[in-house]
PDB file of N, CA and C in Angstrom:
ATOM      1  N   MET A   1       3.482  -6.037  -8.936  1.00  0.00           N
ATOM      2  CA  MET A   1       4.330  -4.992  -8.607  1.00  0.00           C
ATOM      3  C   MET A   1       3.524  -4.085  -7.652  1.00  0.00           C
ATOM      4  N   PRO A   2       4.185  -3.421  -6.698  1.00  0.00           N
ATOM      5  CA  PRO A   2       3.380  -2.552  -5.897  1.00  0.00           C
ATOM      6  C   PRO A   2       2.941  -1.265  -6.686  1.00  0.00           C
ATOM      7  N   ASN A   3       3.683  -0.873  -7.677  1.00  0.00           N
ATOM      8  CA  ASN A   3       3.481   0.575  -8.261  1.00  0.00           C
ATOM      9  C   ASN A   3       3.016   0.337  -9.589  1.00  0.00           C
ATOM     10  N   HIS A   4       2.803  -0.860 -10.098  1.00  0.00           N
ATOM     11  CA  HIS A   4       2.214  -0.920 -11.609  1.00  0.00           C
ATOM     12  C   HIS A   4       1.883  -2.403 -11.848  1.00  0.00           C
ATOM     13  N   PHE A   5       1.300  -2.596 -13.129  1.00  0.00           N
ATOM     14  CA  PHE A   5       0.975  -3.988 -13.349  1.00  0.00           C
ATOM     15  C   PHE A   5       1.034  -4.279 -14.996  1.00  0.00           C
ATOM     16  N   HIS A   6       1.252  -5.317 -15.373  1.00  0.00           N
ATOM     17  CA  HIS A   6       1.400  -5.773 -16.727  1.00  0.00           C
ATOM     18  C   HIS A   6       0.201  -6.385 -17.191  1.00  0.00           C
ATOM     19  N   ALA A   7      -0.318  -6.450 -18.347  1.00  0.00           N
ATOM     20  CA  ALA A   7      -1.259  -7.111 -18.954  1.00  0.00           C
ATOM     21  C   ALA A   7      -1.157  -7.411 -20.537  1.00  0.00           C
ATOM     22  N   ILE A   8      -1.623  -8.460 -20.960  1.00  0.00           N
ATOM     23  CA  ILE A   8      -1.666  -8.812 -22.390  1.00  0.00           C
ATOM     24  C   ILE A   8      -3.095  -8.680 -22.909  1.00  0.00           C
ATOM     25  N   ILE A   9      -3.367  -7.614 -23.609  1.00  0.00           N
ATOM     26  CA  ILE A   9      -4.846  -7.521 -24.176  1.00  0.00           C
ATOM     27  C   ILE A   9      -4.850  -7.869 -25.624  1.00  0.00           C
ATOM     28  N   SER A  10      -5.825  -8.802 -25.954  1.00  0.00           N
ATOM     29  CA  SER A  10      -5.996  -9.284 -27.120  1.00  0.00           C
ATOM     30  C   SER A  10      -7.348  -8.663 -27.700  1.00  0.00           C
ATOM     31  N   ILE A  11      -7.286  -8.000 -28.656  1.00  0.00           N
ATOM     32  CA  ILE A  11      -8.524  -7.319 -29.224  1.00  0.00           C
ATOM     33  C   ILE A  11      -9.107  -8.193 -30.319  1.00  0.00           C
ATOM     34  N   VAL A  12     -10.102  -8.954 -30.236  1.00  0.00           N
ATOM     35  CA  VAL A  12     -10.646  -9.822 -31.202  1.00  0.00           C
ATOM     36  C   VAL A  12     -12.050  -9.072 -31.757  1.00  0.00           C
ATOM     37  N   GLY A  13     -12.568  -8.251 -31.276  1.00  0.00           N
ATOM     38  CA  GLY A  13     -13.807  -7.587 -31.670  1.00  0.00           C
ATOM     39  C   GLY A  13     -14.071  -6.262 -31.019  1.00  0.00           C
ATOM     40  N   ALA A  14     -15.006  -5.572 -31.369  1.00  0.00           N
ATOM     41  CA  ALA A  14     -15.333  -4.295 -30.738  1.00  0.00           C
ATOM     42  C   ALA A  14     -16.885  -4.228 -30.430  1.00  0.00           C
ATOM     43  N   ASP A  15     -17.015  -3.805 -29.144  1.00  0.00           N
ATOM     44  CA  ASP A  15     -18.323  -3.535 -28.562  1.00  0.00           C
ATOM     45  C   ASP A  15     -18.738  -2.117 -28.904  1.00  0.00           C
ATOM     46  N   LEU A  16     -19.921  -2.116 -29.594  1.00  0.00           N
ATOM     47  CA  LEU A  16     -20.444  -0.965 -29.970  1.00  0.00           C
ATOM     48  C   LEU A  16     -20.675  -0.091 -28.894  1.00  0.00           C
ATOM     49  N   CYS A  17     -20.886  -0.624 -27.701  1.00  0.00           N
ATOM     50  CA  CYS A  17     -21.216   0.354 -26.469  1.00  0.00           C
ATOM     51  C   CYS A  17     -19.940   1.083 -26.059  1.00  0.00           C
ATOM     52  N   VAL A  18     -18.885   0.688 -26.439  1.00  0.00           N
ATOM     53  CA  VAL A  18     -17.704   1.476 -26.240  1.00  0.00           C
ATOM     54  C   VAL A  18     -17.866   2.986 -26.741  1.00  0.00           C
ATOM     55  N   CYS A  19     -18.248   3.109 -27.933  1.00  0.00           N
ATOM     56  CA  CYS A  19     -18.217   4.207 -28.626  1.00  0.00           C
ATOM     57  C   CYS A  19     -19.543   4.540 -29.522  1.00  0.00           C
ATOM     58  N   PRO A  20     -20.738   4.465 -28.722  1.00  0.00           N
ATOM     59  CA  PRO A  20     -21.970   4.444 -29.497  1.00  0.00           C
ATOM     60  C   PRO A  20     -22.157   5.657 -30.407  1.00  0.00           C
ATOM     61  N   ASP A  21     -21.791   6.837 -30.064  1.00  0.00           N
ATOM     62  CA  ASP A  21     -21.981   8.112 -30.860  1.00  0.00           C
ATOM     63  C   ASP A  21     -21.312   7.849 -32.135  1.00  0.00           C
ATOM     64  N   ASN A  22     -20.182   7.520 -32.318  1.00  0.00           N
ATOM     65  CA  ASN A  22     -19.406   7.163 -33.452  1.00  0.00           C
ATOM     66  C   ASN A  22     -20.236   6.272 -34.543  1.00  0.00           C
ATOM     67  N   ALA A  23     -20.648   5.105 -33.717  1.00  0.00           N
ATOM     68  CA  ALA A  23     -21.221   4.034 -34.488  1.00  0.00           C
ATOM     69  C   ALA A  23     -22.615   4.497 -35.118  1.00  0.00           C
ATOM     70  N   ALA A  24     -23.297   5.406 -34.353  1.00  0.00           N
ATOM     71  CA  ALA A  24     -24.546   6.007 -34.962  1.00  0.00           C
ATOM     72  C   ALA A  24     -24.252   6.963 -36.202  1.00  0.00           C
ATOM     73  N   LYS A  25     -23.055   7.663 -36.113  1.00  0.00           N
ATOM     74  CA  LYS A  25     -22.743   8.419 -37.315  1.00  0.00           C
ATOM     75  C   LYS A  25     -22.191   7.577 -38.538  1.00  0.00           C
ATOM     76  N   GLY A  26     -21.935   6.227 -38.283  1.00  0.00           N
ATOM     77  CA  GLY A  26     -21.515   5.463 -39.253  1.00  0.00           C
ATOM     78  C   GLY A  26     -19.901   5.400 -39.467  1.00  0.00           C
ATOM     79  N   GLU A  27     -19.265   6.006 -38.387  1.00  0.00           N
ATOM     80  CA  GLU A  27     -17.814   5.929 -38.385  1.00  0.00           C
ATOM     81  C   GLU A  27     -17.342   4.697 -37.907  1.00  0.00           C
ATOM     82  N   HIS A  28     -15.978   4.559 -37.900  1.00  0.00           N
ATOM     83  CA  HIS A  28     -15.254   3.354 -37.482  1.00  0.00           C
ATOM     84  C   HIS A  28     -15.678   3.050 -36.035  1.00  0.00           C
ATOM     85  N   THR A  29     -16.217   1.789 -35.870  1.00  0.00           N
ATOM     86  CA  THR A  29     -16.693   1.336 -34.461  1.00  0.00           C
ATOM     87  C   THR A  29     -15.843   0.648 -33.836  1.00  0.00           C
ATOM     88  N   GLY A  30     -14.529   0.490 -34.144  1.00  0.00           N
ATOM     89  CA  GLY A  30     -13.572  -0.410 -33.402  1.00  0.00           C
ATOM     90  C   GLY A  30     -13.257   0.108 -31.970  1.00  0.00           C
ATOM     91  N   SER A  31     -12.772  -0.619 -31.144  1.00  0.00           N
ATOM     92  CA  SER A  31     -12.376  -0.091 -29.801  1.00  0.00           C
ATOM     93  C   SER A  31     -11.019   0.290 -29.697  1.00  0.00           C
ATOM     94  N   PRO A  32     -10.536   1.475 -29.923  1.00  0.00           N
ATOM     95  CA  PRO A  32      -9.204   1.710 -29.827  1.00  0.00           C
ATOM     96  C   PRO A  32      -8.671   1.503 -28.431  1.00  0.00           C
ATOM     97  N   LEU A  33      -7.380   1.050 -28.331  1.00  0.00           N
ATOM     98  CA  LEU A  33      -6.950   0.632 -27.108  1.00  0.00           C
ATOM     99  C   LEU A  33      -6.844   1.900 -26.036  1.00  0.00           C
ATOM    100  N   HIS A  34      -6.694   3.034 -26.385  1.00  0.00           N
ATOM    101  CA  HIS A  34      -6.783   4.205 -25.484  1.00  0.00           C
ATOM    102  C   HIS A  34      -8.171   4.214 -24.790  1.00  0.00           C
ATOM    103  N   ARG A  35      -9.210   3.978 -25.623  1.00  0.00           N
ATOM    104  CA  ARG A  35     -10.559   4.092 -24.826  1.00  0.00           C
ATOM    105  C   ARG A  35     -10.757   2.914 -23.995  1.00  0.00           C
ATOM    106  N   MET A  36     -10.065   1.781 -24.229  1.00  0.00           N
ATOM    107  CA  MET A  36     -10.197   0.609 -23.400  1.00  0.00           C
ATOM    108  C   MET A  36      -9.346   1.065 -22.092  1.00  0.00           C
ATOM    109  N   ILE A  37      -8.380   1.528 -22.183  1.00  0.00           N
ATOM    110  CA  ILE A  37      -7.503   1.872 -21.065  1.00  0.00           C
ATOM    111  C   ILE A  37      -8.076   2.888 -20.184  1.00  0.00           C
ATOM    112  N   GLN A  38      -8.777   3.838 -20.964  1.00  0.00           N
ATOM    113  CA  GLN A  38      -9.461   5.072 -20.162  1.00  0.00           C
ATOM    114  C   GLN A  38     -10.595   4.518 -19.498  1.00  0.00           C
ATOM    115  N   TRP A  39     -11.486   3.384 -19.945  1.00  0.00           N
ATOM    116  CA  TRP A  39     -12.471   2.882 -19.391  1.00  0.00           C
ATOM    117  C   TRP A  39     -12.107   2.048 -18.219  1.00  0.00           C
ATOM    118  N   PHE A  40     -11.064   1.389 -18.373  1.00  0.00           N
ATOM    119  CA  PHE A  40     -10.464   0.513 -17.154  1.00  0.00           C
ATOM    120  C   PHE A  40     -10.035   1.372 -16.002  1.00  0.00           C
ATOM    121  N   LYS A  41      -9.318   2.400 -16.400  1.00  0.00           N
ATOM    122  CA  LYS A  41      -8.769   3.181 -15.351  1.00  0.00           C
ATOM    123  C   LYS A  41      -9.956   3.960 -14.533  1.00  0.00           C
ATOM    124  N   THR A  42     -11.027   4.519 -15.315  1.00  0.00           N
ATOM    125  CA  THR A  42     -12.170   5.187 -14.820  1.00  0.00           C
ATOM    126  C   THR A  42     -12.911   4.148 -13.899  1.00  0.00           C
ATOM    127  N   MET A  43     -13.243   2.980 -14.346  1.00  0.00           N
ATOM    128  CA  MET A  43     -14.015   1.955 -13.698  1.00  0.00           C
ATOM    129  C   MET A  43     -13.299   1.581 -12.232  1.00  0.00           C
ATOM    130  N   SER A  44     -11.770   1.353 -12.467  1.00  0.00           N
ATOM    131  CA  SER A  44     -11.148   0.821 -11.359  1.00  0.00           C
ATOM    132  C   SER A  44     -11.089   1.820 -10.216  1.00  0.00           C
ATOM    133  N   THR A  45     -10.735   3.185 -10.584  1.00  0.00           N
ATOM    134  CA  THR A  45     -10.782   4.296  -9.831  1.00  0.00           C
ATOM    135  C   THR A  45     -12.140   4.476  -9.033  1.00  0.00           C
ATOM    136  N   ASN A  46     -13.254   4.306  -9.766  1.00  0.00           N
ATOM    137  CA  ASN A  46     -14.360   4.461  -9.017  1.00  0.00           C
ATOM    138  C   ASN A  46     -14.737   3.269  -7.821  1.00  0.00           C
ATOM    139  N   GLU A  47     -14.301   2.103  -8.371  1.00  0.00           N
ATOM    140  CA  GLU A  47     -14.321   0.921  -7.510  1.00  0.00           C
ATOM    141  C   GLU A  47     -13.250   1.173  -6.242  1.00  0.00           C
ATOM    142  N   TYR A  48     -12.185   1.707  -6.352  1.00  0.00           N
ATOM    143  CA  TYR A  48     -11.366   1.961  -5.413  1.00  0.00           C
ATOM    144  C   TYR A  48     -11.743   3.006  -4.309  1.00  0.00           C
ATOM    145  N   ILE A  49     -12.408   4.075  -4.972  1.00  0.00           N
ATOM    146  CA  ILE A  49     -13.103   5.153  -4.091  1.00  0.00           C
ATOM    147  C   ILE A  49     -14.181   4.528  -3.258  1.00  0.00           C
ATOM    148  N   HIS A  50     -14.973   3.493  -3.950  1.00  0.00           N
ATOM    149  CA  HIS A  50     -15.994   3.021  -3.180  1.00  0.00           C
ATOM    150  C   HIS A  50     -15.423   2.110  -2.138  1.00  0.00           C
ATOM    151  N   ALA A  51     -14.411   1.533  -2.189  1.00  0.00           N
ATOM    152  CA  ALA A  51     -13.898   0.665  -1.299  1.00  0.00           C
ATOM    153  C   ALA A  51     -13.208   1.393  -0.034  1.00  0.00           C
ATOM    154  N   VAL A  52     -12.746   2.636  -0.462  1.00  0.00           N
ATOM    155  CA  VAL A  52     -12.265   3.691   0.510  1.00  0.00           C
ATOM    156  C   VAL A  52     -13.341   3.906   1.418  1.00  0.00           C
ATOM    157  N   LYS A  53     -14.308   4.250   1.005  1.00  0.00           N
ATOM    158  CA  LYS A  53     -15.552   4.714   1.696  1.00  0.00           C
ATOM    159  C   LYS A  53     -16.248   3.656   2.494  1.00  0.00           C
ATOM    160  N   GLN A  54     -16.243   2.398   1.963  1.00  0.00           N
ATOM    161  CA  GLN A  54     -17.138   1.279   2.358  1.00  0.00           C
ATOM    162  C   GLN A  54     -16.290   0.312   3.140  1.00  0.00           C
ATOM    163  N   MET A  55     -15.050   0.241   3.037  1.00  0.00           N
ATOM    164  CA  MET A  55     -14.045  -0.781   3.483  1.00  0.00           C
ATOM    165  C   MET A  55     -13.008  -0.364   4.233  1.00  0.00           C
ATOM    166  N   GLY A  56     -12.822   1.106   4.163  1.00  0.00           N
ATOM    167  CA  GLY A  56     -11.682   1.618   4.899  1.00  0.00           C
ATOM    168  C   GLY A  56     -10.377   1.452   4.213  1.00  0.00           C
ATOM    169  N   TRP A  57     -10.330   1.187   3.029  1.00  0.00           N
ATOM    170  CA  TRP A  57      -9.162   1.219   2.230  1.00  0.00           C
ATOM    171  C   TRP A  57      -8.264   2.633   2.328  1.00  0.00           C
ATOM    172  N   THR A  58      -7.053   2.388   2.188  1.00  0.00           N
ATOM    173  CA  THR A  58      -6.222   3.776   2.417  1.00  0.00           C
ATOM    174  C   THR A  58      -6.644   4.706   1.102  1.00  0.00           C
ATOM    175  N   PRO A  59      -6.913   5.999   1.323  1.00  0.00           N
ATOM    176  CA  PRO A  59      -7.154   6.859   0.182  1.00  0.00           C
ATOM    177  C   PRO A  59      -5.795   7.077  -0.570  1.00  0.00           C
ATOM    178  N   PHE A  60      -6.004   7.276  -1.913  1.00  0.00           N
ATOM    179  CA  PHE A  60      -4.997   7.736  -2.802  1.00  0.00           C
ATOM    180  C   PHE A  60      -4.903   9.171  -2.772  1.00  0.00           C
ATOM    181  N   ASP A  61      -3.488   9.655  -2.977  1.00  0.00           N
ATOM    182  CA  ASP A  61      -3.351  11.086  -3.150  1.00  0.00           C
ATOM    183  C   ASP A  61      -3.514  11.743  -4.491  1.00  0.00           C
ATOM    184  N   LYS A  62      -4.466  12.405  -4.882  1.00  0.00           N
ATOM    185  CA  LYS A  62      -4.791  13.012  -6.082  1.00  0.00           C
ATOM    186  C   LYS A  62      -5.138  12.211  -7.207  1.00  0.00           C
ATOM    187  N   LYS A  63      -4.343  11.184  -7.702  1.00  0.00           N
ATOM    188  CA  LYS A  63      -4.649  10.357  -8.807  1.00  0.00           C
ATOM    189  C   LYS A  63      -4.233   8.881  -8.361  1.00  0.00           C
ATOM    190  N   LEU A  64      -5.060   7.869  -8.924  1.00  0.00           N
ATOM    191  CA  LEU A  64      -4.655   6.576  -8.742  1.00  0.00           C
ATOM    192  C   LEU A  64      -3.799   6.043  -9.744  1.00  0.00           C
ATOM    193  N   TRP A  65      -3.954   6.517 -10.944  1.00  0.00           N
ATOM    194  CA  TRP A  65      -3.257   6.150 -12.126  1.00  0.00           C
ATOM    195  C   TRP A  65      -2.416   7.161 -12.776  1.00  0.00           C
ATOM    196  N   GLN A  66      -1.263   6.895 -13.381  1.00  0.00           N
ATOM    197  CA  GLN A  66      -0.369   7.741 -14.075  1.00  0.00           C
ATOM    198  C   GLN A  66      -1.028   8.085 -15.501  1.00  0.00           C
ATOM    199  N   ARG A  67      -0.573   9.294 -15.880  1.00  0.00           N
ATOM    200  CA  ARG A  67      -1.281   9.714 -17.061  1.00  0.00           C
ATOM    201  C   ARG A  67      -1.269   8.892 -18.391  1.00  0.00           C
ATOM    202  N   ASN A  68      -0.135   8.207 -18.523  1.00  0.00           N
ATOM    203  CA  ASN A  68       0.057   7.447 -19.664  1.00  0.00           C
ATOM    204  C   ASN A  68       0.082   5.940 -19.525  1.00  0.00           C
ATOM    205  N   TYR A  69       0.401   5.365 -20.554  1.00  0.00           N
ATOM    206  CA  TYR A  69       0.730   3.888 -20.350  1.00  0.00           C
ATOM    207  C   TYR A  69       1.682   3.433 -21.532  1.00  0.00           C
ATOM    208  N   TYR A  70       2.298   2.312 -21.239  1.00  0.00           N
ATOM    209  CA  TYR A  70       3.288   1.785 -22.184  1.00  0.00           C
ATOM    210  C   TYR A  70       2.510   0.640 -23.152  1.00  0.00           C
ATOM    211  N   GLU A  71       2.709   0.815 -24.354  1.00  0.00           N
ATOM    212  CA  GLU A  71       2.084  -0.349 -25.074  1.00  0.00           C
ATOM    213  C   GLU A  71       3.037  -0.952 -26.015  1.00  0.00           C
ATOM    214  N   ARG A  72       3.027  -2.210 -26.315  1.00  0.00           N
ATOM    215  CA  ARG A  72       3.862  -3.050 -27.149  1.00  0.00           C
ATOM    216  C   ARG A  72       3.051  -3.953 -27.986  1.00  0.00           C
ATOM    217  N   ILE A  73       3.182  -4.071 -29.334  1.00  0.00           N
ATOM    218  CA  ILE A  73       2.407  -5.162 -30.014  1.00  0.00           C
ATOM    219  C   ILE A  73       3.333  -6.112 -30.103  1.00  0.00           C
ATOM    220  N   ILE A  74       2.595  -7.382 -29.745  1.00  0.00           N
ATOM    221  CA  ILE A  74       3.323  -8.667 -29.863  1.00  0.00           C
ATOM    222  C   ILE A  74       2.883  -9.247 -31.180  1.00  0.00           C
ATOM    223  N   CYS A  75       3.969  -9.403 -32.001  1.00  0.00           N
ATOM    224  CA  CYS A  75       3.803  -9.921 -33.284  1.00  0.00           C
ATOM    225  C   CYS A  75       3.820 -11.480 -33.576  1.00  0.00           C
ATOM    226  N   ASN A  76       4.379 -12.207 -32.789  1.00  0.00           N
ATOM    227  CA  ASN A  76       4.496 -13.630 -32.959  1.00  0.00           C
ATOM    228  C   ASN A  76       4.484 -14.324 -31.629  1.00  0.00           C
ATOM    229  N   ASP A  77       4.503 -15.709 -31.745  1.00  0.00           N
ATOM    230  CA  ASP A  77       4.416 -16.582 -30.551  1.00  0.00           C
ATOM    231  C   ASP A  77       5.608 -16.511 -29.879  1.00  0.00           C
ATOM    232  N   LYS A  78       6.888 -16.165 -30.349  1.00  0.00           N
ATOM    233  CA  LYS A  78       8.154 -16.061 -29.577  1.00  0.00           C
ATOM    234  C   LYS A  78       8.048 -14.809 -28.775  1.00  0.00           C
ATOM    235  N   GLU A  79       7.483 -13.786 -29.293  1.00  0.00           N
ATOM    236  CA  GLU A  79       7.372 -12.439 -28.416  1.00  0.00           C
ATOM    237  C   GLU A  79       6.397 -12.672 -27.338  1.00  0.00           C
ATOM    238  N   LEU A  80       5.298 -13.390 -27.564  1.00  0.00           N
ATOM    239  CA  LEU A  80       4.326 -13.656 -26.770  1.00  0.00           C
ATOM    240  C   LEU A  80       4.772 -14.344 -25.610  1.00  0.00           C
ATOM    241  N   PHE A  81       5.708 -15.481 -25.827  1.00  0.00           N
ATOM    242  CA  PHE A  81       6.178 -16.261 -24.858  1.00  0.00           C
ATOM    243  C   PHE A  81       7.181 -15.471 -23.875  1.00  0.00           C
ATOM    244  N   ARG A  82       7.943 -14.649 -24.553  1.00  0.00           N
ATOM    245  CA  ARG A  82       8.725 -13.837 -23.783  1.00  0.00           C
ATOM    246  C   ARG A  82       8.116 -12.795 -22.873  1.00  0.00           C
ATOM    247  N   THR A  83       7.092 -12.213 -23.492  1.00  0.00           N
ATOM    248  CA  THR A  83       6.305 -11.273 -22.803  1.00  0.00           C
ATOM    249  C   THR A  83       5.621 -11.950 -21.504  1.00  0.00           C
ATOM    250  N   ARG A  84       5.024 -13.178 -21.848  1.00  0.00           N
ATOM    251  CA  ARG A  84       4.414 -13.895 -20.548  1.00  0.00           C
ATOM    252  C   ARG A  84       5.512 -14.217 -19.413  1.00  0.00           C
ATOM    253  N   GLU A  85       6.560 -14.571 -20.029  1.00  0.00           N
ATOM    254  CA  GLU A  85       7.653 -14.925 -19.022  1.00  0.00           C
ATOM    255  C   GLU A  85       8.096 -13.577 -18.169  1.00  0.00           C
ATOM    256  N   TYR A  86       8.329 -12.583 -18.910  1.00  0.00           N
ATOM    257  CA  TYR A  86       8.575 -11.370 -18.161  1.00  0.00           C
ATOM    258  C   TYR A  86       7.642 -10.884 -17.284  1.00  0.00           C
ATOM    259  N   ILE A  87       6.285 -10.892 -17.601  1.00  0.00           N
ATOM    260  CA  ILE A  87       5.185 -10.718 -16.611  1.00  0.00           C
ATOM    261  C   ILE A  87       5.177 -11.592 -15.369  1.00  0.00           C
ATOM    262  N   GLN A  88       5.339 -12.904 -15.780  1.00  0.00           N
ATOM    263  CA  GLN A  88       5.509 -13.733 -14.556  1.00  0.00           C
ATOM    264  C   GLN A  88       6.477 -13.599 -13.701  1.00  0.00           C
ATOM    265  N   ASN A  89       7.760 -13.304 -14.077  1.00  0.00           N
ATOM    266  CA  ASN A  89       8.803 -13.147 -13.328  1.00  0.00           C
ATOM    267  C   ASN A  89       9.124 -11.644 -12.886  1.00  0.00           C
ATOM    268  N   ASN A  90       8.261 -10.716 -13.247  1.00  0.00           N
ATOM    269  CA  ASN A  90       8.411  -9.437 -12.961  1.00  0.00           C
ATOM    270  C   ASN A  90       8.640  -9.112 -11.442  1.00  0.00           C
ATOM    271  N   PRO A  91       7.508  -9.704 -10.566  1.00  0.00           N
ATOM    272  CA  PRO A  91       7.697  -9.406  -9.271  1.00  0.00           C
ATOM    273  C   PRO A  91       8.849  -9.663  -8.483  1.00  0.00           C
ATOM    274  N   LEU A  92       9.658 -10.638  -9.073  1.00  0.00           N
ATOM    275  CA  LEU A  92      10.821 -11.245  -8.404  1.00  0.00           C
ATOM    276  C   LEU A  92      11.816 -10.059  -8.487  1.00  0.00           C
ATOM    277  N   ASN A  93      11.689  -9.065  -9.486  1.00  0.00           N
ATOM    278  CA  ASN A  93      12.687  -7.935  -9.772  1.00  0.00           C
ATOM    279  C   ASN A  93      12.395  -6.831  -8.880  1.00  0.00           C
ATOM    280  N   TRP A  94      11.448  -6.738  -8.020  1.00  0.00           N
ATOM    281  CA  TRP A  94      11.087  -5.407  -7.347  1.00  0.00           C
ATOM    282  C   TRP A  94      12.188  -4.933  -6.579  1.00  0.00           C
ATOM    283  N   GLU A  95      13.015  -5.866  -5.934  1.00  0.00           N
ATOM    284  CA  GLU A  95      14.088  -5.477  -5.068  1.00  0.00           C
ATOM    285  C   GLU A  95      15.121  -4.635  -5.959  1.00  0.00           C
ATOM    286  N   MET A  96      15.251  -4.963  -7.225  1.00  0.00           N
ATOM    287  CA  MET A  96      16.171  -4.238  -7.997  1.00  0.00           C
ATOM    288  C   MET A  96      15.543  -3.247  -8.979  1.00  0.00           C
ATOM    289  N   ASP A  97      14.172  -3.071  -8.828  1.00  0.00           N
ATOM    290  CA  ASP A  97      13.444  -2.076  -9.707  1.00  0.00           C
ATOM    291  C   ASP A  97      13.923  -0.585  -9.607  1.00  0.00           C
ATOM    292  N   ARG A  98      14.036  -0.063 -10.709  1.00  0.00           N
ATOM    293  CA  ARG A  98      14.428   1.453 -10.749  1.00  0.00           C
ATOM    294  C   ARG A  98      13.545   2.305 -10.037  1.00  0.00           C
ATOM    295  N   GLU A  99      12.144   1.926 -10.033  1.00  0.00           N
ATOM    296  CA  GLU A  99      11.108   2.752  -9.266  1.00  0.00           C
ATOM    297  C   GLU A  99      10.937   2.345  -7.925  1.00  0.00           C
ATOM    298  N   ASN A 100      11.718   1.334  -7.314  1.00  0.00           N
ATOM    299  CA  ASN A 100      11.377   0.948  -5.940  1.00  0.00           C
ATOM    300  C   ASN A 100      12.428   1.906  -5.094  1.00  0.00           C
ATOM    301  N   PRO A 101      11.632   2.745  -4.296  1.00  0.00           N
ATOM    302  CA  PRO A 101      12.430   3.721  -3.358  1.00  0.00           C
ATOM    303  C   PRO A 101      13.372   3.137  -2.524  1.00  0.00           C
ATOM    304  N   SER A 102      13.216   1.747  -2.182  1.00  0.00           N
ATOM    305  CA  SER A 102      14.002   1.064  -1.221  1.00  0.00           C
ATOM    306  C   SER A 102      15.263   0.309  -1.982  1.00  0.00           C
ATOM    307  N   SER A 103      15.249   0.350  -3.323  1.00  0.00           N
ATOM    308  CA  SER A 103      16.184  -0.321  -4.141  1.00  0.00           C
ATOM    309  C   SER A 103      17.472   0.580  -4.069  1.00  0.00           C
ATOM    310  N   LYS A 104      18.704  -0.368  -4.330  1.00  0.00           N
ATOM    311  CA  LYS A 104      19.992   0.324  -4.241  1.00  0.00           C
ATOM    312  C   LYS A 104      20.123   0.657  -5.765  1.00  0.00           C
ATOM    313  N   ASN A 105      19.351   0.277  -6.604  1.00  0.00           N
ATOM    314  CA  ASN A 105      19.408   0.582  -8.036  1.00  0.00           C
ATOM    315  C   ASN A 105      18.226   1.631  -8.504  1.00  0.00           C
ATOM    316  N   PHE A 106      17.760   2.291  -7.540  1.00  0.00           N
ATOM    317  CA  PHE A 106      16.568   3.178  -7.599  1.00  0.00           C
ATOM    318  C   PHE A 106      16.757   3.935  -9.008  1.00  0.00           C
ATOM    319  N   ASN A 107      17.883   4.484  -9.433  1.00  0.00           N
ATOM    320  CA  ASN A 107      17.885   5.244 -10.598  1.00  0.00           C
ATOM    321  C   ASN A 107      18.336   4.600 -11.883  1.00  0.00           C
ATOM    322  N   LEU A 108      18.522   3.369 -11.820  1.00  0.00           N
ATOM    323  CA  LEU A 108      18.843   2.503 -12.992  1.00  0.00           C
ATOM    324  C   LEU A 108      17.782   2.498 -14.198  1.00  0.00           C
ATOM    325  N   GLU A 109      18.240   2.565 -15.333  1.00  0.00           N
ATOM    326  CA  GLU A 109      17.032   2.679 -16.379  1.00  0.00           C
ATOM    327  C   GLU A 109      16.329   1.320 -16.464  1.00  0.00           C
ATOM    328  N   HIS A 110      16.997   0.199 -16.330  1.00  0.00           N
ATOM    329  CA  HIS A 110      16.235  -0.960 -16.459  1.00  0.00           C
ATOM    330  C   HIS A 110      16.675  -1.994 -15.536  1.00  0.00           C
ATOM    331  N   SER A 111      15.773  -2.986 -15.124  1.00  0.00           N
ATOM    332  CA  SER A 111      16.371  -4.041 -14.315  1.00  0.00           C
ATOM    333  C   SER A 111      17.277  -5.035 -15.249  1.00  0.00           C
ATOM    334  N   LEU A 112      17.850  -5.891 -14.557  1.00  0.00           N
ATOM    335  CA  LEU A 112      18.927  -6.791 -15.153  1.00  0.00           C
ATOM    336  C   LEU A 112      17.970  -7.718 -16.039  1.00  0.00           C
ATOM    337  N   TYR A 113      17.002  -8.092 -15.637  1.00  0.00           N
ATOM    338  CA  TYR A 113      15.996  -9.118 -16.249  1.00  0.00           C
ATOM    339  C   TYR A 113      15.523  -8.268 -17.566  1.00  0.00           C
ATOM    340  N   TRP A 114      15.037  -7.222 -17.532  1.00  0.00           N
ATOM    341  CA  TRP A 114      14.632  -6.476 -18.813  1.00  0.00           C
ATOM    342  C   TRP A 114      15.824  -6.321 -19.687  1.00  0.00           C
ATOM    343  N   LYS A 115      16.938  -6.117 -19.448  1.00  0.00           N
ATOM    344  CA  LYS A 115      18.017  -5.824 -20.217  1.00  0.00           C
ATOM    345  C   LYS A 115      18.320  -7.319 -20.841  1.00  0.00           C
ATOM    346  N   GLU A 116      18.163  -8.420 -20.175  1.00  0.00           N
ATOM    347  CA  GLU A 116      18.321  -9.755 -20.709  1.00  0.00           C
ATOM    348  C   GLU A 116      17.186 -10.092 -21.863  1.00  0.00           C
ATOM    349  N   ILE A 117      16.043  -9.612 -21.546  1.00  0.00           N
ATOM    350  CA  ILE A 117      14.870  -9.866 -22.531  1.00  0.00           C
ATOM    351  C   ILE A 117      15.189  -8.990 -23.841  1.00  0.00           C
ATOM    352  N   ILE A 118      15.720  -7.766 -23.710  1.00  0.00           N
ATOM    353  CA  ILE A 118      16.053  -6.975 -24.860  1.00  0.00           C
ATOM    354  C   ILE A 118      17.165  -7.719 -25.706  1.00  0.00           C
ATOM    355  N   LYS A 119      18.288  -8.198 -24.917  1.00  0.00           N
ATOM    356  CA  LYS A 119      19.239  -8.717 -25.497  1.00  0.00           C
ATOM    357  C   LYS A 119      18.817 -10.141 -26.345  1.00  0.00           C
ATOM    358  N   LYS A 120      18.051 -10.916 -25.718  1.00  0.00           N
ATOM    359  CA  LYS A 120      17.405 -11.920 -26.483  1.00  0.00           C
ATOM    360  C   LYS A 120      16.731 -11.654 -27.729  1.00  0.00           C
ATOM    361  N   GLU A 121      15.924 -10.435 -27.694  1.00  0.00           N
ATOM    362  CA  GLU A 121      15.097 -10.072 -28.807  1.00  0.00           C
ATOM    363  C   GLU A 121      16.046  -9.761 -30.055  1.00  0.00           C
ATOM    364  N   LYS A 122      17.117  -9.009 -29.532  1.00  0.00           N
ATOM    365  CA  LYS A 122      18.195  -8.660 -30.677  1.00  0.00           C
ATOM    366  C   LYS A 122      18.925  -9.731 -31.363  1.00  0.00           C
ATOM    367  N   GLY A 123      19.127 -10.805 -30.418  1.00  0.00           N
ATOM    368  CA  GLY A 123      19.952 -11.960 -30.797  1.00  0.00           C
ATOM    369  C   GLY A 123      19.081 -12.979 -31.393  1.00  0.00           C
TER     370      GLY A 123
END
């Protein structure tokens, strides 16, 4: 999608380098998702700025990333399959996306595909 992306993050362990101060104090050393997202946004922003300066990429206005993110816990294989299917097919829905300024459905709350996924989960 031109304005966002989807990812499935599987947390299987924690790197003490993510939060070394807490580890030194004997506090919980797990990598909370928000720290992982924060690191990703910081590093990708730095790389983008580097590419603007070195490769002539178009500069972004004020912020590259939105303030928050949407998270969803995938509890079983059925949900994982549906989520993967949604991510794979999501770019096909850009024409109907509520955030696409060129879309006739610019103000719609959800794309038809997303409504279908929700309907499948309930039924």
